[in-house]
């Protein structure tokens, strides 16, 4: 899915963009108006040079990142290509191959992922959304699929389970919160797992949830989450309480 009115899908290794708007039908006052789907219109299609089905790894308002099929690159290593594609017309902007990476996400300027640099050594890498070249690297992060961007920060979990905030443009560390400040003492192995950023507030944690000012790293509020509450409530309950 691209947004409410446009869809992206793969047919084999061909990426297809469809415009799927709806129109409102007029009806007598006694009958509620309703919306009926319009026949999808093909916006563009792009055949990518891959043998296996592809995966959309990230999308913003102007570009999407597609991940290709992995290939072996040694005994315990692999390579996978990333494609940057312009949403307006389906033009392929660049292709770059990277080894042993996960957690791909993007903002308006960069694509971010975590790569394996060695045994127990994981690195956050930022590459330019414009041309796919490396902009910066930050070592000492946890191997995770979760990389958050928002409020002028890139948020990841460090190798000890704490949180790290970096500048998107340079990779400079702005603030860090040790795991001890994010978890209950009886659960020292719980991590400061980042959940989401809403209105400049970062929500992170598992059994112990923290609301954090994403710009400064100041902890605004913390609360324990009962095990009986659903995962959905764990995310949305503190968002409401932080505004009290």
Foldseek 3Di string as FASTA:
>chain_A
DQDPQKDWDDDWQKIWIKGWDWDWDDDPPVDDIDIDIDPIDTQEMGHDPARGHKAWQEDDPFKTKIKGDWDDDDDPKIKIKIWIATPNRRDTQEIDIDMAWAQWYDDPFWIWIWHDPDVLKIKIWTAGSRYRHTQDIDIFFDRDNDWDDDPQWIWGAGSLQWIWTAGNRHRHTQDIDGQVVQDDPVCSNWHQAWDYADPQWTWTTDQKIWTARNNRRHTQDIDGDDPPDDPVCVPVVVVVVSVD
